[in-house]
PDB file of N, CA and C in Angstrom:
ATOM      1  N   UNK A   1      11.995 -59.653 -27.228  1.00  0.00           N
ATOM      2  CA  UNK A   1      11.624 -58.314 -27.042  1.00  0.00           C
ATOM      3  C   UNK A   1      12.216 -57.436 -28.018  1.00  0.00           C
ATOM      4  N   UNK A   2      11.405 -56.475 -28.571  1.00  0.00           N
ATOM      5  CA  UNK A   2      11.393 -55.593 -29.715  1.00  0.00           C
ATOM      6  C   UNK A   2      12.191 -54.426 -29.141  1.00  0.00           C
ATOM      7  N   UNK A   3      13.194 -53.977 -29.867  1.00  0.00           N
ATOM      8  CA  UNK A   3      13.807 -52.680 -29.416  1.00  0.00           C
ATOM      9  C   UNK A   3      13.315 -51.579 -30.426  1.00  0.00           C
ATOM     10  N   UNK A   4      12.765 -50.460 -29.774  1.00  0.00           N
ATOM     11  CA  UNK A   4      12.329 -49.227 -30.474  1.00  0.00           C
ATOM     12  C   UNK A   4      13.378 -48.249 -30.516  1.00  0.00           C
ATOM     13  N   UNK A   5      13.591 -47.698 -31.605  1.00  0.00           N
ATOM     14  CA  UNK A   5      14.512 -46.730 -31.723  1.00  0.00           C
ATOM     15  C   UNK A   5      13.814 -45.391 -32.419  1.00  0.00           C
ATOM     16  N   UNK A   6      14.018 -44.431 -31.634  1.00  0.00           N
ATOM     17  CA  UNK A   6      13.229 -43.280 -32.018  1.00  0.00           C
ATOM     18  C   UNK A   6      14.093 -42.626 -33.210  1.00  0.00           C
ATOM     19  N   UNK A   7      13.294 -42.340 -34.297  1.00  0.00           N
ATOM     20  CA  UNK A   7      14.037 -42.016 -35.610  1.00  0.00           C
ATOM     21  C   UNK A   7      14.684 -40.512 -35.317  1.00  0.00           C
ATOM     22  N   UNK A   8      14.040 -39.778 -34.403  1.00  0.00           N
ATOM     23  CA  UNK A   8      14.520 -38.308 -34.184  1.00  0.00           C
ATOM     24  C   UNK A   8      15.892 -38.306 -33.392  1.00  0.00           C
ATOM     25  N   UNK A   9      16.210 -39.476 -32.786  1.00  0.00           N
ATOM     26  CA  UNK A   9      17.498 -39.444 -31.904  1.00  0.00           C
ATOM     27  C   UNK A   9      18.360 -40.507 -32.513  1.00  0.00           C
ATOM     28  N   UNK A  10      18.031 -41.274 -33.366  1.00  0.00           N
ATOM     29  CA  UNK A  10      18.949 -42.337 -33.908  1.00  0.00           C
ATOM     30  C   UNK A  10      19.806 -41.793 -34.969  1.00  0.00           C
ATOM     31  N   UNK A  11      21.179 -41.858 -34.694  1.00  0.00           N
ATOM     32  CA  UNK A  11      21.818 -41.322 -35.832  1.00  0.00           C
ATOM     33  C   UNK A  11      21.771 -42.014 -37.230  1.00  0.00           C
ATOM     34  N   UNK A  12      21.826 -41.224 -38.078  1.00  0.00           N
ATOM     35  CA  UNK A  12      21.627 -41.736 -39.418  1.00  0.00           C
ATOM     36  C   UNK A  12      23.039 -42.305 -39.990  1.00  0.00           C
ATOM     37  N   UNK A  13      22.985 -43.325 -40.773  1.00  0.00           N
ATOM     38  CA  UNK A  13      24.099 -43.890 -41.277  1.00  0.00           C
ATOM     39  C   UNK A  13      24.480 -42.863 -42.597  1.00  0.00           C
ATOM     40  N   UNK A  14      25.653 -42.221 -42.470  1.00  0.00           N
ATOM     41  CA  UNK A  14      26.157 -41.344 -43.502  1.00  0.00           C
ATOM     42  C   UNK A  14      26.201 -41.892 -44.939  1.00  0.00           C
ATOM     43  N   UNK A  15      25.754 -41.063 -45.757  1.00  0.00           N
ATOM     44  CA  UNK A  15      25.729 -41.338 -47.174  1.00  0.00           C
ATOM     45  C   UNK A  15      25.944 -40.307 -47.914  1.00  0.00           C
ATOM     46  N   UNK A  16      26.537 -40.555 -49.296  1.00  0.00           N
ATOM     47  CA  UNK A  16      26.801 -39.627 -50.176  1.00  0.00           C
ATOM     48  C   UNK A  16      26.326 -39.987 -51.547  1.00  0.00           C
ATOM     49  N   UNK A  17      25.439 -39.264 -52.217  1.00  0.00           N
ATOM     50  CA  UNK A  17      25.014 -39.536 -53.422  1.00  0.00           C
ATOM     51  C   UNK A  17      25.524 -38.672 -54.483  1.00  0.00           C
ATOM     52  N   UNK A  18      25.933 -39.183 -55.591  1.00  0.00           N
ATOM     53  CA  UNK A  18      26.669 -38.626 -56.677  1.00  0.00           C
ATOM     54  C   UNK A  18      25.813 -39.087 -58.127  1.00  0.00           C
ATOM     55  N   UNK A  19      25.437 -38.005 -58.821  1.00  0.00           N
ATOM     56  CA  UNK A  19      24.778 -38.131 -60.084  1.00  0.00           C
ATOM     57  C   UNK A  19      25.815 -37.718 -61.128  1.00  0.00           C
ATOM     58  N   UNK A  20      26.039 -38.542 -62.085  1.00  0.00           N
ATOM     59  CA  UNK A  20      26.954 -38.261 -63.180  1.00  0.00           C
ATOM     60  C   UNK A  20      26.360 -38.684 -64.479  1.00  0.00           C
ATOM     61  N   UNK A  21      26.353 -37.454 -65.283  1.00  0.00           N
ATOM     62  CA  UNK A  21      25.672 -37.845 -66.644  1.00  0.00           C
ATOM     63  C   UNK A  21      26.553 -38.856 -67.639  1.00  0.00           C
ATOM     64  N   UNK A  22      26.014 -39.753 -67.978  1.00  0.00           N
ATOM     65  CA  UNK A  22      26.933 -40.883 -68.799  1.00  0.00           C
ATOM     66  C   UNK A  22      26.229 -40.792 -70.246  1.00  0.00           C
ATOM     67  N   UNK A  23      26.992 -40.520 -71.360  1.00  0.00           N
ATOM     68  CA  UNK A  23      26.439 -40.710 -72.588  1.00  0.00           C
ATOM     69  C   UNK A  23      26.094 -42.079 -73.046  1.00  0.00           C
ATOM     70  N   UNK A  24      27.114 -42.798 -72.835  1.00  0.00           N
ATOM     71  CA  UNK A  24      27.080 -44.292 -73.290  1.00  0.00           C
ATOM     72  C   UNK A  24      27.559 -45.265 -72.006  1.00  0.00           C
ATOM     73  N   UNK A  25      26.555 -45.495 -71.387  1.00  0.00           N
ATOM     74  CA  UNK A  25      26.802 -46.316 -70.206  1.00  0.00           C
ATOM     75  C   UNK A  25      27.586 -47.633 -70.476  1.00  0.00           C
ATOM     76  N   UNK A  26      27.329 -48.298 -71.374  1.00  0.00           N
ATOM     77  CA  UNK A  26      28.258 -49.721 -71.738  1.00  0.00           C
ATOM     78  C   UNK A  26      29.554 -49.366 -71.807  1.00  0.00           C
ATOM     79  N   UNK A  27      29.921 -48.227 -72.418  1.00  0.00           N
ATOM     80  CA  UNK A  27      31.334 -48.027 -72.814  1.00  0.00           C
ATOM     81  C   UNK A  27      32.078 -47.156 -71.486  1.00  0.00           C
ATOM     82  N   UNK A  28      31.114 -46.439 -70.829  1.00  0.00           N
ATOM     83  CA  UNK A  28      31.907 -45.747 -69.624  1.00  0.00           C
ATOM     84  C   UNK A  28      31.709 -46.090 -68.480  1.00  0.00           C
ATOM     85  N   UNK A  29      31.024 -47.102 -68.064  1.00  0.00           N
ATOM     86  CA  UNK A  29      30.660 -47.436 -66.601  1.00  0.00           C
ATOM     87  C   UNK A  29      31.867 -48.080 -66.031  1.00  0.00           C
ATOM     88  N   UNK A  30      32.737 -48.768 -66.636  1.00  0.00           N
ATOM     89  CA  UNK A  30      33.777 -49.463 -65.948  1.00  0.00           C
ATOM     90  C   UNK A  30      35.019 -48.316 -65.442  1.00  0.00           C
ATOM     91  N   UNK A  31      35.066 -47.304 -66.288  1.00  0.00           N
ATOM     92  CA  UNK A  31      36.132 -46.390 -66.035  1.00  0.00           C
ATOM     93  C   UNK A  31      35.499 -45.470 -64.908  1.00  0.00           C
ATOM     94  N   UNK A  32      34.186 -45.142 -64.917  1.00  0.00           N
ATOM     95  CA  UNK A  32      33.479 -44.245 -64.169  1.00  0.00           C
ATOM     96  C   UNK A  32      33.490 -44.782 -62.572  1.00  0.00           C
ATOM     97  N   UNK A  33      33.396 -46.403 -62.655  1.00  0.00           N
ATOM     98  CA  UNK A  33      33.201 -46.971 -61.365  1.00  0.00           C
ATOM     99  C   UNK A  33      34.643 -47.020 -60.727  1.00  0.00           C
ATOM    100  N   UNK A  34      35.670 -47.305 -61.545  1.00  0.00           N
ATOM    101  CA  UNK A  34      37.108 -47.259 -61.066  1.00  0.00           C
ATOM    102  C   UNK A  34      37.442 -46.043 -60.458  1.00  0.00           C
ATOM    103  N   UNK A  35      37.028 -44.897 -61.217  1.00  0.00           N
ATOM    104  CA  UNK A  35      37.390 -43.535 -60.646  1.00  0.00           C
ATOM    105  C   UNK A  35      36.672 -43.167 -59.462  1.00  0.00           C
ATOM    106  N   UNK A  36      35.354 -43.649 -59.236  1.00  0.00           N
ATOM    107  CA  UNK A  36      34.859 -43.393 -57.899  1.00  0.00           C
ATOM    108  C   UNK A  36      35.351 -44.118 -56.779  1.00  0.00           C
ATOM    109  N   UNK A  37      35.772 -45.552 -57.154  1.00  0.00           N
ATOM    110  CA  UNK A  37      36.334 -46.345 -56.141  1.00  0.00           C
ATOM    111  C   UNK A  37      37.719 -45.603 -55.642  1.00  0.00           C
ATOM    112  N   UNK A  38      38.478 -45.143 -56.516  1.00  0.00           N
ATOM    113  CA  UNK A  38      39.763 -44.455 -56.320  1.00  0.00           C
ATOM    114  C   UNK A  38      39.651 -43.164 -55.441  1.00  0.00           C
ATOM    115  N   UNK A  39      38.560 -42.451 -55.778  1.00  0.00           N
ATOM    116  CA  UNK A  39      38.334 -41.162 -55.180  1.00  0.00           C
ATOM    117  C   UNK A  39      37.887 -41.347 -53.722  1.00  0.00           C
ATOM    118  N   UNK A  40      37.038 -42.408 -53.653  1.00  0.00           N
ATOM    119  CA  UNK A  40      36.587 -42.491 -52.035  1.00  0.00           C
ATOM    120  C   UNK A  40      37.276 -43.467 -51.173  1.00  0.00           C
ATOM    121  N   UNK A  41      38.178 -44.246 -51.742  1.00  0.00           N
ATOM    122  CA  UNK A  41      39.046 -45.125 -50.963  1.00  0.00           C
ATOM    123  C   UNK A  41      39.818 -44.542 -49.787  1.00  0.00           C
ATOM    124  N   UNK A  42      40.350 -43.371 -49.983  1.00  0.00           N
ATOM    125  CA  UNK A  42      41.008 -42.715 -48.936  1.00  0.00           C
ATOM    126  C   UNK A  42      40.060 -42.252 -47.706  1.00  0.00           C
ATOM    127  N   UNK A  43      38.862 -42.197 -47.888  1.00  0.00           N
ATOM    128  CA  UNK A  43      37.918 -41.749 -47.143  1.00  0.00           C
ATOM    129  C   UNK A  43      37.438 -43.126 -46.120  1.00  0.00           C
ATOM    130  N   UNK A  44      37.805 -44.243 -46.697  1.00  0.00           N
ATOM    131  CA  UNK A  44      37.278 -45.610 -46.031  1.00  0.00           C
ATOM    132  C   UNK A  44      35.672 -46.021 -46.383  1.00  0.00           C
ATOM    133  N   UNK A  45      35.305 -45.423 -47.361  1.00  0.00           N
ATOM    134  CA  UNK A  45      33.880 -45.468 -47.722  1.00  0.00           C
ATOM    135  C   UNK A  45      33.769 -46.771 -48.643  1.00  0.00           C
ATOM    136  N   UNK A  46      32.451 -47.293 -48.868  1.00  0.00           N
ATOM    137  CA  UNK A  46      32.136 -48.357 -49.780  1.00  0.00           C
ATOM    138  C   UNK A  46      31.674 -47.710 -50.966  1.00  0.00           C
ATOM    139  N   UNK A  47      31.847 -48.489 -52.297  1.00  0.00           N
ATOM    140  CA  UNK A  47      31.184 -47.895 -53.487  1.00  0.00           C
ATOM    141  C   UNK A  47      30.317 -48.856 -53.915  1.00  0.00           C
ATOM    142  N   UNK A  48      29.004 -48.397 -54.139  1.00  0.00           N
ATOM    143  CA  UNK A  48      27.942 -49.280 -54.639  1.00  0.00           C
ATOM    144  C   UNK A  48      27.355 -48.556 -56.187  1.00  0.00           C
ATOM    145  N   UNK A  49      27.322 -49.393 -56.903  1.00  0.00           N
ATOM    146  CA  UNK A  49      26.919 -49.109 -58.367  1.00  0.00           C
ATOM    147  C   UNK A  49      25.388 -49.487 -58.615  1.00  0.00           C
TER     148      UNK A  49
END
């Protein structure tokens, strides 16, 4: 049996998008990724790059 979920009443999974300008991705991505992980870890959120 398929379960139908009404999108108007189904709670959305919370998300946060952040756009950060980076001049040289190859040099800056590790530091940026680490900074983002440290910033959101107290909130109990996951970090995806």
